[in-house]
Amino acid sequence: MSGPAADIVDRRAFILAHTERLAVPHAPEIALRVASEATDLWQMTEEELGEIGLPPPFWAFAWAGGQALARYILDHRETVAGKSVLDLASGSGLVAIAAAMAGAEHVKAVDIDPFAVDAIALNATGNGVTLEIGRTDLLTGPAPRVDVILAGDVFYEKPMADRVFPWLRAAVDEGALCLVGDPGRAYLPKADLAALATYEVATTRALEDSEVKRTTVWRVSGAAMENAEPPA
């Protein structure tokens, strides 16, 4: 077999061969296909990853920011219930799955990594939820018109942070509620964020600098007030 169909089969086979289905530590209502031994994937060389067409496998782990955001959504279902939701840079699909479980009317999970797209599909099926799944870089244009945008752990690199934060603020100006889950990454913005909840999230020393990350769910403020005329 060759072509796109074979590529999908091969990606899903790779995911199934290198992961196992485990409950998410901070959101045990959800189980994900995750790397059972983080080093198996993360110690592969760039050349080895390139040979199988595998970008860094962010989809293979339940990152702290996503865990906190999923927990917040599950505990505050009114945030998404009956609403249209976008999970940006979805990775494993954890946050999107939480939104669907919490009663969102429609959830779209988007990532640029084709392996993530297949991992999201497997995880959605495994948790009995229906998601719209897309492989696209939404940051190249304006945010789609949705009620809620969720972004877990997106400030890990400066180029990504520089793109995503203005995009989220513009989405707020268009009427979206934008929530971010972040464990204190270096490029988390210092302003225009309001803390909603903080959690102590279990992680792994193979990927993080500690076994527990203090992780906050933030609400993003828009940019419109910066350009507003001062009151007379």
Protein backbone atom coordinates (compact mmCIF):
# COMPACT_ATOMS: atom_id res chain seq x y z
CA MET A 1 0.00 0.00 0.00
CA SER A 2 1.24 3.50 -0.79
CA GLY A 3 0.02 7.09 -0.79
CA PRO A 4 -1.98 9.07 1.79
CA ALA A 5 -4.03 6.08 2.98
CA ALA A 6 -0.88 4.11 3.81
CA ASP A 7 0.58 7.17 5.55
CA ILE A 8 -2.44 7.34 7.86
CA VAL A 9 -2.21 3.61 8.62
CA ASP A 10 1.52 3.89 9.33
CA ARG A 11 1.10 6.89 11.64
CA ARG A 12 -1.65 5.24 13.64
CA ALA A 13 0.33 2.01 13.83
CA PHE A 14 3.32 3.96 15.12
CA ILE A 15 1.22 5.69 17.77
CA LEU A 16 -0.32 2.42 18.93
CA ALA A 17 3.09 0.71 19.03
CA HIS A 18 4.80 3.46 21.04
CA THR A 19 2.07 4.43 23.51
CA GLU A 20 -0.33 2.93 25.99
CA ARG A 21 -3.69 4.17 27.16
CA LEU A 22 -3.40 5.74 30.61
CA ALA A 23 -5.56 7.98 32.77
CA VAL A 24 -4.44 11.63 32.86
CA PRO A 25 -3.05 12.32 36.35
CA HIS A 26 -4.92 15.60 36.94
CA ALA A 27 -7.98 14.69 34.89
CA PRO A 28 -8.46 10.94 35.45
CA GLU A 29 -11.86 11.04 33.75
CA ILE A 30 -9.83 11.09 30.52
CA ALA A 31 -7.45 8.41 29.24
CA LEU A 32 -4.89 9.17 26.52
CA ARG A 33 -2.50 7.27 24.30
CA VAL A 34 0.79 8.44 25.85
CA ALA A 35 4.41 7.33 25.73
CA SER A 36 4.79 4.83 28.54
CA GLU A 37 8.50 5.58 28.72
CA ALA A 38 9.14 9.21 27.78
CA THR A 39 12.74 8.54 26.82
CA ASP A 40 11.74 6.02 24.11
CA LEU A 41 10.56 8.85 21.88
CA TRP A 42 12.40 11.88 23.21
CA GLN A 43 15.87 10.31 22.99
CA MET A 44 15.50 9.54 19.33
CA THR A 45 17.90 11.64 17.25
CA GLU A 46 16.69 14.28 14.83
CA GLU A 47 17.85 12.03 11.97
CA GLU A 48 15.87 9.08 13.33
CA LEU A 49 12.78 11.23 13.73
CA GLY A 50 13.20 12.56 10.20
CA GLU A 51 13.45 9.07 8.74
CA ILE A 52 9.95 8.24 9.95
CA GLY A 53 8.57 11.73 9.31
CA LEU A 54 8.06 12.37 13.00
CA PRO A 55 8.23 15.93 14.38
CA PRO A 56 8.89 16.26 18.14
CA PRO A 57 6.09 14.12 19.62
CA PHE A 58 4.30 16.71 21.74
CA TRP A 59 1.13 14.64 21.24
CA ALA A 60 2.56 11.73 23.23
CA PHE A 61 2.38 13.36 26.67
CA ALA A 62 -0.17 15.05 28.91
CA TRP A 63 1.60 18.38 29.42
CA ALA A 64 0.99 20.33 32.62
CA GLY A 65 -0.74 23.26 30.92
CA GLY A 66 -3.18 20.99 29.16
CA GLN A 67 -3.87 19.00 32.32
CA ALA A 68 -4.71 22.15 34.28
CA LEU A 69 -6.91 23.52 31.53
CA ALA A 70 -8.74 20.20 31.19
CA ARG A 71 -9.30 20.09 34.95
CA TYR A 72 -10.64 23.64 34.93
CA ILE A 73 -13.06 22.89 32.09
CA LEU A 74 -14.32 19.70 33.75
CA ASP A 75 -14.85 21.54 37.05
CA HIS A 76 -16.40 24.64 35.43
CA ARG A 77 -18.55 23.13 32.72
CA GLU A 78 -20.48 26.35 32.25
CA THR A 79 -17.36 27.73 30.57
CA VAL A 80 -18.00 25.63 27.47
CA ALA A 81 -21.43 23.99 27.86
CA GLY A 82 -23.59 24.60 24.78
CA LYS A 83 -20.83 26.63 23.11
CA SER A 84 -18.53 26.33 20.12
CA VAL A 85 -14.96 25.61 21.19
CA LEU A 86 -11.56 25.61 19.48
CA ASP A 87 -8.59 23.78 21.01
CA LEU A 88 -5.49 25.43 19.52
CA ALA A 89 -2.28 23.37 19.16
CA SER A 90 -4.27 20.46 20.52
CA GLY A 91 -1.45 17.88 20.73
CA SER A 92 -3.01 14.80 22.29
CA GLY A 93 -6.50 16.29 22.17
CA LEU A 94 -6.74 16.36 25.97
CA VAL A 95 -8.30 19.81 26.29
CA ALA A 96 -10.68 19.27 23.37
CA ILE A 97 -11.85 16.01 24.90
CA ALA A 98 -12.46 17.75 28.23
CA ALA A 99 -14.54 20.41 26.46
CA ALA A 100 -16.63 17.76 24.71
CA MET A 101 -17.16 15.92 28.00
CA ALA A 102 -18.19 19.19 29.63
CA GLY A 103 -21.05 19.64 27.15
CA ALA A 104 -19.67 21.90 24.43
CA GLU A 105 -21.98 22.02 21.41
CA HIS A 106 -19.10 21.72 18.93
CA VAL A 107 -15.39 21.22 19.51
CA LYS A 108 -12.66 21.58 16.92
CA ALA A 109 -9.14 20.37 17.74
CA VAL A 110 -6.39 21.77 15.53
CA ASP A 111 -2.69 20.96 15.26
CA ILE A 112 -0.08 21.28 12.51
CA ASP A 113 1.47 17.85 13.22
CA PRO A 114 -0.07 14.97 11.23
CA PHE A 115 0.84 12.54 14.03
CA ALA A 116 -1.06 14.74 16.48
CA VAL A 117 -4.10 14.67 14.20
CA ASP A 118 -4.13 10.88 14.31
CA ALA A 119 -3.43 10.80 18.04
CA ILE A 120 -6.36 13.15 18.65
CA ALA A 121 -8.65 10.89 16.60
CA LEU A 122 -7.56 7.82 18.56
CA ASN A 123 -7.97 9.59 21.89
CA ALA A 124 -11.38 11.01 20.99
CA THR A 125 -12.63 7.56 20.05
CA GLY A 126 -11.14 6.06 23.20
CA ASN A 127 -13.02 8.58 25.34
CA GLY A 128 -16.30 8.30 23.46
CA VAL A 129 -16.46 11.88 22.22
CA THR A 130 -16.86 13.43 18.79
CA LEU A 131 -14.48 16.15 17.66
CA GLU A 132 -13.86 18.01 14.45
CA ILE A 133 -10.15 17.59 13.84
CA GLY A 134 -8.06 19.80 11.57
CA ARG A 135 -4.45 19.99 10.48
CA THR A 136 -3.77 23.64 9.79
CA ASP A 137 -1.81 26.64 11.04
CA LEU A 138 -4.61 28.93 12.18
CA LEU A 139 -2.13 31.59 13.25
CA THR A 140 -1.63 32.65 9.62
CA GLY A 141 -5.04 34.35 9.64
CA PRO A 142 -7.71 35.66 11.99
CA ALA A 143 -9.21 33.31 14.52
CA PRO A 144 -12.39 31.52 13.46
CA ARG A 145 -15.60 32.79 15.02
CA VAL A 146 -16.12 30.56 18.03
CA ASP A 147 -17.30 31.17 21.57
CA VAL A 148 -14.26 29.78 23.38
CA ILE A 149 -10.62 29.25 22.42
CA LEU A 150 -8.48 26.99 24.63
CA ALA A 151 -4.68 26.80 24.49
CA GLY A 152 -2.67 24.49 26.72
CA ASP A 153 1.09 24.97 27.11
CA VAL A 154 1.72 27.12 24.03
CA PHE A 155 4.41 29.46 25.40
CA TYR A 156 7.33 27.03 25.40
CA GLU A 157 9.21 28.80 22.56
CA LYS A 158 9.55 32.50 21.76
CA PRO A 159 8.54 32.27 18.06
CA MET A 160 5.35 30.46 19.03
CA ALA A 161 4.61 32.88 21.87
CA ASP A 162 5.17 35.88 19.62
CA ARG A 163 2.61 34.53 17.16
CA VAL A 164 -0.03 33.06 19.42
CA PHE A 165 -0.54 35.78 22.03
CA PRO A 166 -1.47 38.64 19.65
CA TRP A 167 -3.72 36.16 17.83
CA LEU A 168 -5.51 35.25 21.05
CA ARG A 169 -5.90 38.90 22.05
CA ALA A 170 -7.39 39.71 18.66
CA ALA A 171 -9.82 36.81 19.10
CA VAL A 172 -10.89 38.27 22.45
CA ASP A 173 -11.60 41.58 20.71
CA GLU A 174 -13.87 39.67 18.33
CA GLY A 175 -15.85 38.26 21.24
CA ALA A 176 -14.16 34.94 22.08
CA LEU A 177 -13.32 33.79 25.58
CA CYS A 178 -9.67 32.72 25.44
CA LEU A 179 -8.20 30.56 28.20
CA VAL A 180 -4.58 29.45 28.52
CA GLY A 181 -3.08 26.74 30.72
CA ASP A 182 0.57 27.36 31.56
CA PRO A 183 3.07 25.98 34.13
CA GLY A 184 5.27 29.08 34.11
CA ARG A 185 6.96 28.69 30.74
CA ALA A 186 9.68 31.22 29.96
CA TYR A 187 7.71 33.02 27.27
CA LEU A 188 4.39 33.35 29.06
CA PRO A 189 3.38 37.03 28.69
CA LYS A 190 3.61 39.12 31.83
CA ALA A 191 0.54 41.26 31.19
CA ASP A 192 -3.01 41.00 29.84
CA LEU A 193 -3.69 37.75 31.71
CA ALA A 194 -6.06 37.18 34.62
CA ALA A 195 -5.55 34.08 36.80
CA LEU A 196 -8.63 31.89 37.19
CA ALA A 197 -7.26 28.84 39.01
CA THR A 198 -3.94 27.25 39.99
CA TYR A 199 -3.17 23.54 40.30
CA GLU A 200 -0.26 21.35 41.40
CA VAL A 201 0.10 19.05 38.39
CA ALA A 202 2.08 15.80 38.41
CA THR A 203 4.57 15.55 35.53
CA THR A 204 7.66 13.50 34.72
CA ARG A 205 11.30 14.42 35.31
CA ALA A 206 12.09 12.98 31.89
CA LEU A 207 10.38 16.02 30.36
CA GLU A 208 10.18 18.67 33.07
CA ASP A 209 12.45 20.17 35.72
CA SER A 210 10.30 18.87 38.58
CA GLU A 211 7.81 16.10 39.28
CA VAL A 212 5.07 18.62 40.12
CA LYS A 213 4.44 21.84 38.20
CA ARG A 214 2.45 24.72 39.68
CA THR A 215 0.17 25.45 36.75
CA THR A 216 -2.28 28.31 36.22
CA VAL A 217 -5.30 28.74 34.01
CA TRP A 218 -5.37 32.29 32.67
CA ARG A 219 -8.01 34.36 30.91
CA VAL A 220 -6.59 36.46 28.08
CA SER A 221 -7.49 40.14 27.83
CA GLY A 222 -8.05 41.80 24.46
CA ALA A 223 -6.09 44.60 22.85
CA ALA A 224 -8.98 46.95 22.16
CA MET A 225 -8.70 48.88 25.43
CA GLU A 226 -5.14 49.91 24.56
CA ASN A 227 -6.43 51.94 21.64
CA ALA A 228 -9.57 53.26 23.31
CA GLU A 229 -9.97 56.99 23.86
CA PRO A 230 -9.54 58.03 27.51
CA PRO A 231 -12.72 59.12 29.27
CA ALA A 232 -13.48 62.85 29.06
